Amino acid sequence: MAEQLNETHQPDVFERENVLERKLGTRQLSMMVIGTAIGTGLFMGSGLSISYAGPGVIVSYSIAALIAFLLMMCLAEMTVKHPTAGSFGTHAEYYMGPWSGYLVRLTYWVSCVIAVGSEVTAVALYMKYWFPSFPQWLWIVLFSVLIVYFNARSVSNFGTLEYWFSFVKVTAIIVFIIIGTAIIFGIGTKPTGFSNYVAHGGFLPNGLYGVWMGTVTAMFSYIGSEMIAVAAGESKNPAENIPKTMRLSAARLILFYVLSLAVMVAVIPWKQAGSQEIAQSPFVKVFATLGIPFADHIMNFVVLIAALSAMNAQVYASTRMMFSLSKGGYVHSSLGNLNKRNVPIYSLLISCGGLVLATVLNIMVPDAYNILIGLATFGALFAWLMIFFTYLRFRKANREASSYQAPLYPFVPLLGIILLVGVFLTLLLDADWRFTWYSGIAWLVIISLFYVGWVKRKRQS
C-alpha cells in the first residue's frame, strides 16, 4: 500500500485542489444534500418503482436508502480527512492509483453533463405546459444561462440558489405527507386507512423480485446525495460540519422518501399510482384523487424547481470534477484557472459545452440519447461502487482514530459493495436495462485505452 501511494502521488495530491474559497455554510450544505437527492427521480420516476413493487415499494426505497446511508457514512470519513473539490475522485487517485482517479472523475463528469442535458430539456417541457406557443429552445437557453450565471459568480451564489430550490421541494413533500396522513386517519375527512396496502394483490403483488426491481429503479432517486462531498472542498469548517450534515441529511432523506411513498400507496391503489411511463407524476395523481384544486399546476411548478435544482447541482459538480482533473494533470492546465470570484471558469465553460451537445442530441436524436442516459446512470453508480472500494483502502492506510469514523468496519463498505454489485447484475440481466451496462462498459474501455495511450504518458513526461 505505502509503495503504491508513494509511486503514484506526491504528498500535495489534496493540497493542490485547496485553492477554492470556503463559503458554504452548514445550512446551505444540509439543504443541498437533501435537495440534490430529492429530484425528478422521486416526483416523476417513483411511479416506475411502484409498478414493479406495488405497496412493497416502501421496502424497495428503504433498501435503496440503506445503500445511500452506507455510502454517506464512508464518504463522510474520507471527506473529513481530505475535503477537496475532486472529492471521491481525488480519494480514488490517492488510495487506488491514477487510473482509478481518472476513471471516477471523468465518468462522473460525463454522467453529470448528460444528466443536465436531460434536465434542461425537461424544464422546457414543463414550461411548455403553461406556455404552449413558446418555442422549446427559448426555455432551454434562458434557464441554461440562468444556471451558468449563478455558478460563475461565486460558490455562495450557487449555495443560496440551491438552498431555495431545495426549500421548495422539501416543503412540497412535507405538505404532501401531512395531507396524506390526514386522509389516512380521517382528520377532517373520511379515513382511507391502510387497506390499499393489501387490497390489490397483497403487499408484495410481484413477489420479492418486484421488490428488488423496485430497489434498482429507486436507486436512481438517491443519486445526487454524494454531491455534498464535492461541496466539502468549499465548505466552512468541514471537519465539524460534514459528519453532522451527512448524518442529519441521510436521516431526513430516508424519512422524506419512505414516508411519502408509504402515504402514496395508502391513499390510492398502487396500480393507479404506478406507471411504466413518467409522463405524469404519481404525486399529481394523488392530489387529483383528493380533489385538490390546481393539482397539476402545483406539481408542474414543483417538478420544474426539482429539475432546475438538479441542473444547478450537476453543473457545479461537473465543474469541480473537471477542475480536479486539471489540477491532477489529466487535462489541460488552463481548466484549473480561476476567475476573480475564485470559480474555475474554464471548467465551467467546457462543462456547459458538453451540456449543449447533450441537449441538442436529446432533442434531435432521442433514441441515441437513451444510450447516453444509460451511461449517465452507469457512471453515477460506478462512482458509488468506487467510493466503497476506495474506503476499504483508505481505512487500511489510516488506522489511527480520526475525528469521525464510520461504524462497523468492514461490514459497512462490504455490505454496500454487495448490494451495488447486485444492482449492476440486475441491470445486466434485465432486458429493459441492459443498454445501461453496455454503454457504461464501452465507455470505461474507451477512456482506459485513452488513458494508457495518451494521458499516462503526458503525466509522466
Protein backbone atom coordinates (compact mmCIF):
# COMPACT_ATOMS: atom_id res chain seq x y z
CA MET A 1 0.00 0.00 0.00
CA ALA A 2 2.65 2.52 1.03
CA GLU A 3 4.70 1.67 -2.05
CA GLN A 4 1.73 2.30 -4.34
CA LEU A 5 0.87 5.61 -2.69
CA ASN A 6 4.45 6.86 -2.95
CA GLU A 7 4.77 5.62 -6.51
CA THR A 8 1.61 7.22 -7.83
CA HIS A 9 1.36 10.51 -5.97
CA GLN A 10 3.09 13.38 -4.33
CA PRO A 11 2.12 14.40 -0.78
CA ASP A 12 0.35 17.51 -2.12
CA VAL A 13 -2.26 15.50 -4.07
CA PHE A 14 -5.01 17.01 -1.91
CA GLU A 15 -3.43 20.40 -1.28
CA ARG A 16 -3.24 21.21 -5.00
CA GLU A 17 -7.05 21.50 -5.07
CA ASN A 18 -7.45 23.53 -1.89
CA VAL A 19 -7.35 26.90 -3.64
CA LEU A 20 -11.11 27.48 -3.70
CA GLU A 21 -12.88 29.74 -1.22
CA ARG A 22 -14.70 28.10 1.69
CA LYS A 23 -18.01 29.97 1.72
CA LEU A 24 -20.66 27.26 2.03
CA GLY A 25 -22.29 27.23 5.46
CA THR A 26 -23.87 24.36 7.40
CA ARG A 27 -27.42 25.39 6.50
CA GLN A 28 -26.59 25.50 2.78
CA LEU A 29 -24.81 22.14 2.92
CA SER A 30 -27.65 20.48 4.80
CA MET A 31 -30.30 21.68 2.38
CA MET A 32 -28.03 20.95 -0.59
CA VAL A 33 -27.63 17.25 0.14
CA ILE A 34 -31.38 16.87 0.59
CA GLY A 35 -32.15 18.94 -2.47
CA THR A 36 -29.72 17.22 -4.84
CA ALA A 37 -31.11 13.79 -3.93
CA ILE A 38 -34.77 14.86 -3.98
CA GLY A 39 -35.42 15.50 -7.63
CA THR A 40 -37.44 14.36 -10.59
CA GLY A 41 -36.44 10.79 -9.72
CA LEU A 42 -38.89 10.94 -6.81
CA PHE A 43 -41.54 13.27 -8.21
CA MET A 44 -41.71 11.76 -11.70
CA GLY A 45 -39.88 8.42 -11.61
CA SER A 46 -41.30 6.86 -8.44
CA GLY A 47 -44.24 5.53 -10.45
CA LEU A 48 -41.88 3.09 -12.17
CA SER A 49 -40.73 1.66 -8.82
CA ILE A 50 -44.36 1.35 -7.69
CA SER A 51 -45.26 -0.51 -10.90
CA TYR A 52 -42.58 -3.11 -10.05
CA ALA A 53 -43.06 -3.48 -6.30
CA GLY A 54 -46.64 -2.38 -5.55
CA PRO A 55 -47.01 -1.38 -1.87
CA GLY A 56 -43.69 -3.19 -1.36
CA VAL A 57 -42.11 -0.03 -2.81
CA ILE A 58 -41.79 1.01 0.83
CA VAL A 59 -39.29 -1.84 1.27
CA SER A 60 -37.64 -1.01 -2.07
CA TYR A 61 -36.97 2.60 -1.12
CA SER A 62 -35.81 1.51 2.33
CA ILE A 63 -33.17 -0.80 0.81
CA ALA A 64 -32.05 1.92 -1.60
CA ALA A 65 -31.91 4.34 1.34
CA LEU A 66 -29.74 1.85 3.23
CA ILE A 67 -27.23 1.79 0.36
CA ALA A 68 -27.18 5.60 0.28
CA PHE A 69 -26.74 5.76 4.06
CA LEU A 70 -23.82 3.29 3.98
CA LEU A 71 -22.22 5.33 1.21
CA MET A 72 -22.59 8.61 3.08
CA MET A 73 -21.01 7.20 6.24
CA CYS A 74 -17.93 6.04 4.31
CA LEU A 75 -17.79 9.23 2.28
CA ALA A 76 -18.09 11.39 5.42
CA GLU A 77 -14.99 9.87 6.99
CA MET A 78 -12.88 10.31 3.85
CA THR A 79 -14.21 13.82 3.33
CA VAL A 80 -13.33 14.90 6.88
CA LYS A 81 -9.79 13.65 6.31
CA HIS A 82 -9.49 15.08 2.77
CA PRO A 83 -12.07 17.84 1.97
CA THR A 84 -11.26 18.62 -1.67
CA ALA A 85 -13.14 19.67 -4.82
CA GLY A 86 -12.33 16.37 -6.54
CA SER A 87 -13.68 14.51 -3.51
CA PHE A 88 -14.14 10.78 -4.15
CA GLY A 89 -12.28 11.12 -7.47
CA THR A 90 -9.20 12.51 -5.73
CA HIS A 91 -9.58 9.93 -2.95
CA ALA A 92 -9.58 7.16 -5.58
CA GLU A 93 -6.47 8.65 -7.20
CA TYR A 94 -4.54 8.74 -3.95
CA TYR A 95 -5.59 5.40 -2.47
CA MET A 96 -6.17 3.30 -5.61
CA GLY A 97 -3.92 4.92 -8.22
CA PRO A 98 -4.08 7.50 -11.04
CA TRP A 99 -6.04 5.27 -13.41
CA SER A 100 -8.82 4.83 -10.85
CA GLY A 101 -8.90 8.54 -10.08
CA TYR A 102 -9.09 9.36 -13.78
CA LEU A 103 -11.90 6.87 -14.43
CA VAL A 104 -14.00 8.03 -11.48
CA ARG A 105 -13.72 11.76 -12.15
CA LEU A 106 -14.14 11.69 -15.93
CA THR A 107 -17.01 9.18 -15.77
CA TYR A 108 -18.77 11.18 -13.08
CA TRP A 109 -18.22 14.37 -15.09
CA VAL A 110 -19.83 12.82 -18.16
CA SER A 111 -22.67 11.48 -16.01
CA CYS A 112 -23.42 14.97 -14.67
CA VAL A 113 -23.19 16.66 -18.07
CA ILE A 114 -25.57 14.14 -19.68
CA ALA A 115 -27.97 14.45 -16.76
CA VAL A 116 -28.00 18.25 -17.11
CA GLY A 117 -28.87 17.88 -20.80
CA SER A 118 -31.82 15.72 -19.82
CA GLU A 119 -32.96 18.06 -17.03
CA VAL A 120 -32.85 21.23 -19.14
CA THR A 121 -34.94 19.52 -21.82
CA ALA A 122 -37.43 18.50 -19.13
CA VAL A 123 -37.53 22.11 -17.89
CA ALA A 124 -38.55 23.24 -21.39
CA LEU A 125 -41.35 20.67 -21.44
CA TYR A 126 -42.63 21.78 -18.02
CA MET A 127 -42.68 25.41 -19.19
CA LYS A 128 -44.49 24.39 -22.36
CA TYR A 129 -47.33 23.15 -20.14
CA TRP A 130 -48.05 26.80 -19.26
CA PHE A 131 -46.80 28.47 -22.44
CA PRO A 132 -47.50 26.06 -25.32
CA SER A 133 -46.88 28.66 -28.03
CA PHE A 134 -43.33 29.46 -26.92
CA PRO A 135 -40.53 27.52 -28.70
CA GLN A 136 -38.75 24.88 -26.62
CA TRP A 137 -35.26 26.22 -27.38
CA LEU A 138 -36.14 29.55 -25.75
CA TRP A 139 -36.64 27.98 -22.32
CA ILE A 140 -33.52 25.84 -22.76
CA VAL A 141 -31.37 28.89 -23.48
CA LEU A 142 -33.00 31.05 -20.80
CA PHE A 143 -32.63 28.60 -17.92
CA SER A 144 -29.19 27.41 -19.03
CA VAL A 145 -27.92 30.99 -18.96
CA LEU A 146 -29.52 31.49 -15.53
CA ILE A 147 -27.84 28.42 -14.03
CA VAL A 148 -24.46 29.19 -15.60
CA TYR A 149 -24.66 32.78 -14.37
CA PHE A 150 -25.18 31.76 -10.75
CA ASN A 151 -22.42 29.14 -10.94
CA ALA A 152 -19.98 31.63 -12.49
CA ARG A 153 -20.45 34.33 -9.85
CA SER A 154 -19.35 32.55 -6.66
CA VAL A 155 -19.90 29.37 -4.71
CA SER A 156 -22.07 31.28 -2.22
CA ASN A 157 -24.43 32.26 -5.07
CA PHE A 158 -24.65 28.61 -6.07
CA GLY A 159 -25.32 27.61 -2.46
CA THR A 160 -28.04 30.24 -1.99
CA LEU A 161 -29.84 29.25 -5.20
CA GLU A 162 -29.66 25.56 -4.31
CA TYR A 163 -30.92 26.30 -0.79
CA TRP A 164 -34.14 27.91 -2.05
CA PHE A 165 -34.68 25.31 -4.75
CA SER A 166 -34.36 22.63 -2.10
CA PHE A 167 -36.63 24.53 0.26
CA VAL A 168 -39.47 24.43 -2.30
CA LYS A 169 -39.05 20.67 -2.85
CA VAL A 170 -38.84 19.81 0.83
CA THR A 171 -41.88 21.98 1.59
CA ALA A 172 -43.88 20.21 -1.14
CA ILE A 173 -43.02 16.78 0.28
CA ILE A 174 -43.85 17.81 3.87
CA VAL A 175 -47.23 19.23 2.77
CA PHE A 176 -47.91 16.04 0.80
CA ILE A 177 -47.10 13.85 3.83
CA ILE A 178 -49.29 15.96 6.14
CA ILE A 179 -52.28 15.97 3.79
CA GLY A 180 -51.92 12.28 3.04
CA THR A 181 -51.64 11.37 6.73
CA ALA A 182 -54.79 13.37 7.45
CA ILE A 183 -56.63 11.43 4.74
CA ILE A 184 -55.37 8.07 6.03
CA PHE A 185 -56.50 8.70 9.62
CA GLY A 186 -59.63 10.66 8.75
CA ILE A 187 -58.64 14.04 10.15
CA GLY A 188 -61.38 16.28 8.77
CA THR A 189 -62.49 13.70 6.22
CA LYS A 190 -63.44 10.04 5.84
CA PRO A 191 -60.42 7.83 6.64
CA THR A 192 -58.94 5.62 3.94
CA GLY A 193 -56.87 3.59 6.38
CA PHE A 194 -54.24 1.17 5.11
CA SER A 195 -56.47 -1.20 3.15
CA ASN A 196 -54.77 -0.28 -0.14
CA TYR A 197 -51.61 -1.98 1.16
CA VAL A 198 -53.21 -5.42 0.68
CA ALA A 199 -56.39 -4.87 -1.36
CA HIS A 200 -54.90 -5.24 -4.85
CA GLY A 201 -52.81 -8.39 -4.95
CA GLY A 202 -51.33 -8.11 -1.47
CA PHE A 203 -48.41 -6.12 -0.09
CA LEU A 204 -45.96 -7.83 -2.47
CA PRO A 205 -48.06 -8.37 -5.63
CA ASN A 206 -44.99 -9.17 -7.74
CA GLY A 207 -43.08 -11.01 -5.02
CA LEU A 208 -39.52 -10.39 -3.87
CA TYR A 209 -38.38 -9.96 -7.47
CA GLY A 210 -40.71 -6.99 -7.79
CA VAL A 211 -39.32 -5.50 -4.57
CA TRP A 212 -35.76 -5.87 -5.83
CA MET A 213 -36.59 -4.34 -9.24
CA GLY A 214 -38.24 -1.51 -7.32
CA THR A 215 -34.99 -1.11 -5.38
CA VAL A 216 -32.93 -0.91 -8.57
CA THR A 217 -35.14 1.83 -10.02
CA ALA A 218 -35.34 3.58 -6.62
CA MET A 219 -31.54 3.87 -6.66
CA PHE A 220 -31.88 6.48 -9.39
CA SER A 221 -33.81 8.69 -6.96
CA TYR A 222 -30.95 8.72 -4.44
CA ILE A 223 -28.24 9.61 -6.96
CA GLY A 224 -27.03 13.07 -6.05
CA SER A 225 -26.64 12.51 -2.31
CA GLU A 226 -22.87 12.12 -2.90
CA MET A 227 -22.54 15.72 -4.14
CA ILE A 228 -22.15 17.10 -0.62
CA ALA A 229 -18.65 15.58 -0.60
CA VAL A 230 -17.79 17.64 -3.70
CA ALA A 231 -19.07 20.77 -1.96
CA ALA A 232 -16.90 19.98 1.10
CA GLY A 233 -13.93 21.47 -0.73
CA GLU A 234 -15.64 24.86 -0.44
CA SER A 235 -17.39 24.49 2.92
CA LYS A 236 -16.65 26.22 6.19
CA ASN A 237 -15.08 24.00 8.85
CA PRO A 238 -15.63 20.66 7.02
CA ALA A 239 -14.20 18.56 9.86
CA GLU A 240 -17.08 19.61 12.09
CA ASN A 241 -19.87 20.29 9.60
CA ILE A 242 -19.61 17.37 7.17
CA PRO A 243 -20.28 14.42 9.56
CA LYS A 244 -23.18 16.19 11.25
CA THR A 245 -24.66 17.35 7.96
CA MET A 246 -24.39 13.92 6.37
CA ARG A 247 -25.98 12.13 9.34
CA LEU A 248 -28.90 14.54 9.59
CA SER A 249 -29.39 14.72 5.85
CA ALA A 250 -29.33 10.94 5.41
CA ALA A 251 -31.95 10.55 8.13
CA ARG A 252 -34.15 13.22 6.55
CA LEU A 253 -33.77 11.69 3.10
CA ILE A 254 -34.92 8.31 4.36
CA LEU A 255 -37.80 9.93 6.21
CA PHE A 256 -38.97 12.01 3.24
CA TYR A 257 -38.67 9.26 0.66
CA VAL A 258 -40.07 6.33 2.62
CA LEU A 259 -42.86 8.33 4.28
CA SER A 260 -44.03 9.97 1.05
CA LEU A 261 -44.16 6.59 -0.73
CA ALA A 262 -45.90 4.97 2.26
CA VAL A 263 -48.54 7.70 2.21
CA MET A 264 -48.94 7.50 -1.56
CA VAL A 265 -49.71 3.77 -1.78
CA ALA A 266 -52.05 4.04 1.23
CA VAL A 267 -54.13 6.87 -0.23
CA ILE A 268 -54.64 5.45 -3.74
CA PRO A 269 -54.34 1.91 -5.16
CA TRP A 270 -50.80 1.11 -6.27
CA LYS A 271 -51.89 0.24 -9.81
CA GLN A 272 -53.23 3.77 -10.11
CA ALA A 273 -50.06 5.35 -8.69
CA GLY A 274 -47.61 3.11 -10.54
CA SER A 275 -46.76 3.51 -14.18
CA GLN A 276 -44.05 2.35 -16.57
CA GLU A 277 -44.13 5.86 -18.03
CA ILE A 278 -43.02 9.01 -16.22
CA ALA A 279 -45.14 11.44 -18.25
CA GLN A 280 -47.36 12.09 -15.23
CA SER A 281 -46.17 12.26 -11.66
CA PRO A 282 -47.80 9.86 -9.18
CA PHE A 283 -47.93 12.86 -6.83
CA VAL A 284 -50.26 14.59 -9.30
CA LYS A 285 -52.47 11.50 -9.34
CA VAL A 286 -52.77 11.61 -5.55
CA PHE A 287 -53.57 15.33 -5.50
CA ALA A 288 -56.14 14.85 -8.25
CA THR A 289 -57.74 11.92 -6.41
CA LEU A 290 -58.05 14.04 -3.28
CA GLY A 291 -59.76 16.78 -5.25
CA ILE A 292 -57.09 19.39 -4.56
CA PRO A 293 -57.62 22.30 -6.99
CA PHE A 294 -54.87 23.16 -9.48
CA ALA A 295 -53.02 19.96 -8.52
CA ASP A 296 -51.47 19.71 -11.98
CA HIS A 297 -50.18 23.29 -11.86
CA ILE A 298 -48.81 22.91 -8.33
CA MET A 299 -46.96 19.75 -9.23
CA ASN A 300 -45.72 21.16 -12.52
CA PHE A 301 -44.13 24.00 -10.57
CA VAL A 302 -42.54 21.58 -8.09
CA VAL A 303 -41.05 19.31 -10.76
CA LEU A 304 -39.83 22.42 -12.60
CA ILE A 305 -37.97 23.51 -9.46
CA ALA A 306 -36.71 19.94 -8.97
CA ALA A 307 -35.25 19.90 -12.48
CA LEU A 308 -33.65 23.34 -12.05
CA SER A 309 -32.18 22.24 -8.72
CA ALA A 310 -30.70 19.13 -10.33
CA MET A 311 -29.27 21.27 -13.14
CA ASN A 312 -27.70 23.67 -10.67
CA ALA A 313 -26.07 20.91 -8.62
CA GLN A 314 -24.87 18.89 -11.60
CA VAL A 315 -23.30 21.92 -13.29
CA TYR A 316 -21.50 22.65 -10.03
CA ALA A 317 -20.30 19.04 -9.58
CA SER A 318 -19.17 18.63 -13.20
CA THR A 319 -17.22 21.90 -13.00
CA ARG A 320 -15.37 20.77 -9.85
CA MET A 321 -14.59 17.35 -11.31
CA MET A 322 -13.05 18.91 -14.42
CA PHE A 323 -11.15 21.38 -12.22
CA SER A 324 -9.81 18.43 -10.20
CA LEU A 325 -8.72 16.59 -13.36
CA SER A 326 -6.85 19.69 -14.47
CA LYS A 327 -5.06 20.08 -11.15
CA GLY A 328 -4.02 16.43 -11.37
CA GLY A 329 -2.52 16.89 -14.85
CA TYR A 330 -5.09 14.71 -16.62
CA VAL A 331 -6.46 17.51 -18.82
CA HIS A 332 -5.12 20.90 -19.92
CA SER A 333 -3.86 23.05 -17.06
CA SER A 334 -5.93 26.07 -18.17
CA LEU A 335 -9.06 24.27 -16.97
CA GLY A 336 -7.77 24.78 -13.45
CA ASN A 337 -7.66 28.58 -13.76
CA LEU A 338 -9.95 30.64 -11.52
CA ASN A 339 -11.78 33.87 -12.28
CA LYS A 340 -11.75 36.88 -9.95
CA ARG A 341 -14.59 35.30 -7.96
CA ASN A 342 -12.48 32.19 -7.37
CA VAL A 343 -14.59 29.99 -9.67
CA PRO A 344 -12.92 27.55 -12.13
CA ILE A 345 -14.46 29.39 -15.07
CA TYR A 346 -12.93 27.38 -17.93
CA SER A 347 -14.01 24.10 -16.34
CA LEU A 348 -17.49 25.60 -16.07
CA LEU A 349 -17.48 26.61 -19.73
CA ILE A 350 -16.31 23.23 -21.03
CA SER A 351 -18.94 21.53 -18.87
CA CYS A 352 -21.53 23.83 -20.44
CA GLY A 353 -20.20 22.88 -23.88
CA GLY A 354 -20.96 19.27 -23.03
CA LEU A 355 -24.39 20.39 -21.82
CA VAL A 356 -25.13 21.99 -25.20
CA LEU A 357 -24.14 18.84 -27.09
CA ALA A 358 -26.18 16.63 -24.77
CA THR A 359 -29.22 18.91 -25.08
CA VAL A 360 -29.05 19.04 -28.88
CA LEU A 361 -28.71 15.27 -29.08
CA ASN A 362 -31.62 14.83 -26.66
CA ILE A 363 -33.87 16.95 -28.88
CA MET A 364 -32.66 15.85 -32.32
CA VAL A 365 -31.89 12.13 -31.76
CA PRO A 366 -33.82 10.94 -28.69
CA ASP A 367 -33.22 7.25 -29.45
CA ALA A 368 -29.45 7.78 -29.43
CA TYR A 369 -29.74 9.89 -26.31
CA ASN A 370 -31.17 6.90 -24.45
CA ILE A 371 -27.71 5.35 -24.71
CA LEU A 372 -26.23 8.45 -23.06
CA ILE A 373 -28.82 8.26 -20.29
CA GLY A 374 -27.68 4.68 -19.72
CA LEU A 375 -24.11 5.93 -19.48
CA ALA A 376 -25.14 8.66 -17.02
CA THR A 377 -26.86 6.12 -14.78
CA PHE A 378 -23.95 3.69 -15.01
CA GLY A 379 -21.47 6.48 -14.30
CA ALA A 380 -23.16 7.60 -11.09
CA LEU A 381 -23.50 4.04 -9.76
CA PHE A 382 -19.90 3.30 -10.81
CA ALA A 383 -18.76 6.28 -8.72
CA TRP A 384 -20.72 4.91 -5.75
CA LEU A 385 -19.11 1.47 -6.11
CA MET A 386 -15.64 3.02 -6.33
CA ILE A 387 -16.31 5.04 -3.17
CA PHE A 388 -16.80 1.81 -1.21
CA PHE A 389 -13.65 0.22 -2.68
CA THR A 390 -11.66 3.38 -2.02
CA TYR A 391 -12.87 3.45 1.56
CA LEU A 392 -11.50 -0.06 2.17
CA ARG A 393 -8.05 1.13 1.04
CA PHE A 394 -8.47 4.37 2.99
CA ARG A 395 -9.06 2.53 6.27
CA LYS A 396 -6.05 0.28 5.75
CA ALA A 397 -3.85 3.32 5.21
CA ASN A 398 -5.37 5.33 8.09
CA ARG A 399 -5.61 3.00 11.07
CA GLU A 400 -5.47 5.75 13.68
CA ALA A 401 -8.75 7.12 15.02
CA SER A 402 -9.96 10.34 13.40
CA SER A 403 -12.49 12.98 14.46
CA TYR A 404 -15.17 10.99 12.64
CA GLN A 405 -15.10 7.27 11.88
CA ALA A 406 -17.78 5.23 10.16
CA PRO A 407 -19.01 2.42 12.43
CA LEU A 408 -18.89 -1.35 11.92
CA TYR A 409 -15.84 -1.52 9.65
CA PRO A 410 -15.52 -3.50 7.36
CA PHE A 411 -19.19 -4.53 7.43
CA VAL A 412 -20.47 -1.16 6.18
CA PRO A 413 -18.40 -0.91 2.94
CA LEU A 414 -18.66 -4.65 2.20
CA LEU A 415 -22.45 -4.61 2.50
CA GLY A 416 -22.55 -1.56 0.25
CA ILE A 417 -20.39 -3.34 -2.34
CA ILE A 418 -22.55 -6.48 -2.25
CA LEU A 419 -25.79 -4.55 -2.71
CA LEU A 420 -24.39 -2.39 -5.51
CA VAL A 421 -22.95 -5.40 -7.33
CA GLY A 422 -26.46 -6.87 -7.11
CA VAL A 423 -27.83 -3.71 -8.74
CA PHE A 424 -25.25 -3.90 -11.55
CA LEU A 425 -26.01 -7.58 -12.19
CA THR A 426 -29.72 -6.81 -12.34
CA LEU A 427 -29.08 -4.09 -14.93
CA LEU A 428 -27.12 -6.63 -16.98
CA LEU A 429 -29.66 -9.46 -16.73
CA ASP A 430 -32.82 -7.41 -17.26
CA ALA A 431 -33.50 -6.81 -20.96
CA ASP A 432 -35.06 -3.38 -20.33
CA TRP A 433 -31.94 -2.06 -18.58
CA ARG A 434 -29.14 -3.94 -20.34
CA PHE A 435 -28.26 -0.92 -22.51
CA THR A 436 -27.13 0.83 -19.31
CA TRP A 437 -24.49 -1.83 -18.72
CA TYR A 438 -23.32 -1.96 -22.34
CA SER A 439 -22.94 1.80 -22.69
CA GLY A 440 -21.11 2.03 -19.36
CA ILE A 441 -18.64 -0.77 -20.05
CA ALA A 442 -17.93 0.55 -23.54
CA TRP A 443 -17.19 3.98 -22.06
CA LEU A 444 -14.80 2.59 -19.42
CA VAL A 445 -12.89 0.60 -22.06
CA ILE A 446 -12.56 3.61 -24.38
CA ILE A 447 -11.30 6.05 -21.74
CA SER A 448 -8.99 3.40 -20.26
CA LEU A 449 -7.35 2.96 -23.65
CA PHE A 450 -7.08 6.74 -23.99
CA TYR A 451 -5.52 6.92 -20.51
CA VAL A 452 -2.87 4.32 -21.33
CA GLY A 453 -2.16 5.66 -24.81
CA TRP A 454 -2.12 9.38 -24.05
CA VAL A 455 -2.88 10.65 -20.53
CA LYS A 456 -0.43 8.42 -18.64
CA ARG A 457 2.44 9.31 -20.97
CA LYS A 458 1.59 13.00 -20.79
CA ARG A 459 1.60 12.97 -16.96
CA GLN A 460 4.86 11.04 -16.82
CA SER A 461 6.55 13.48 -19.20
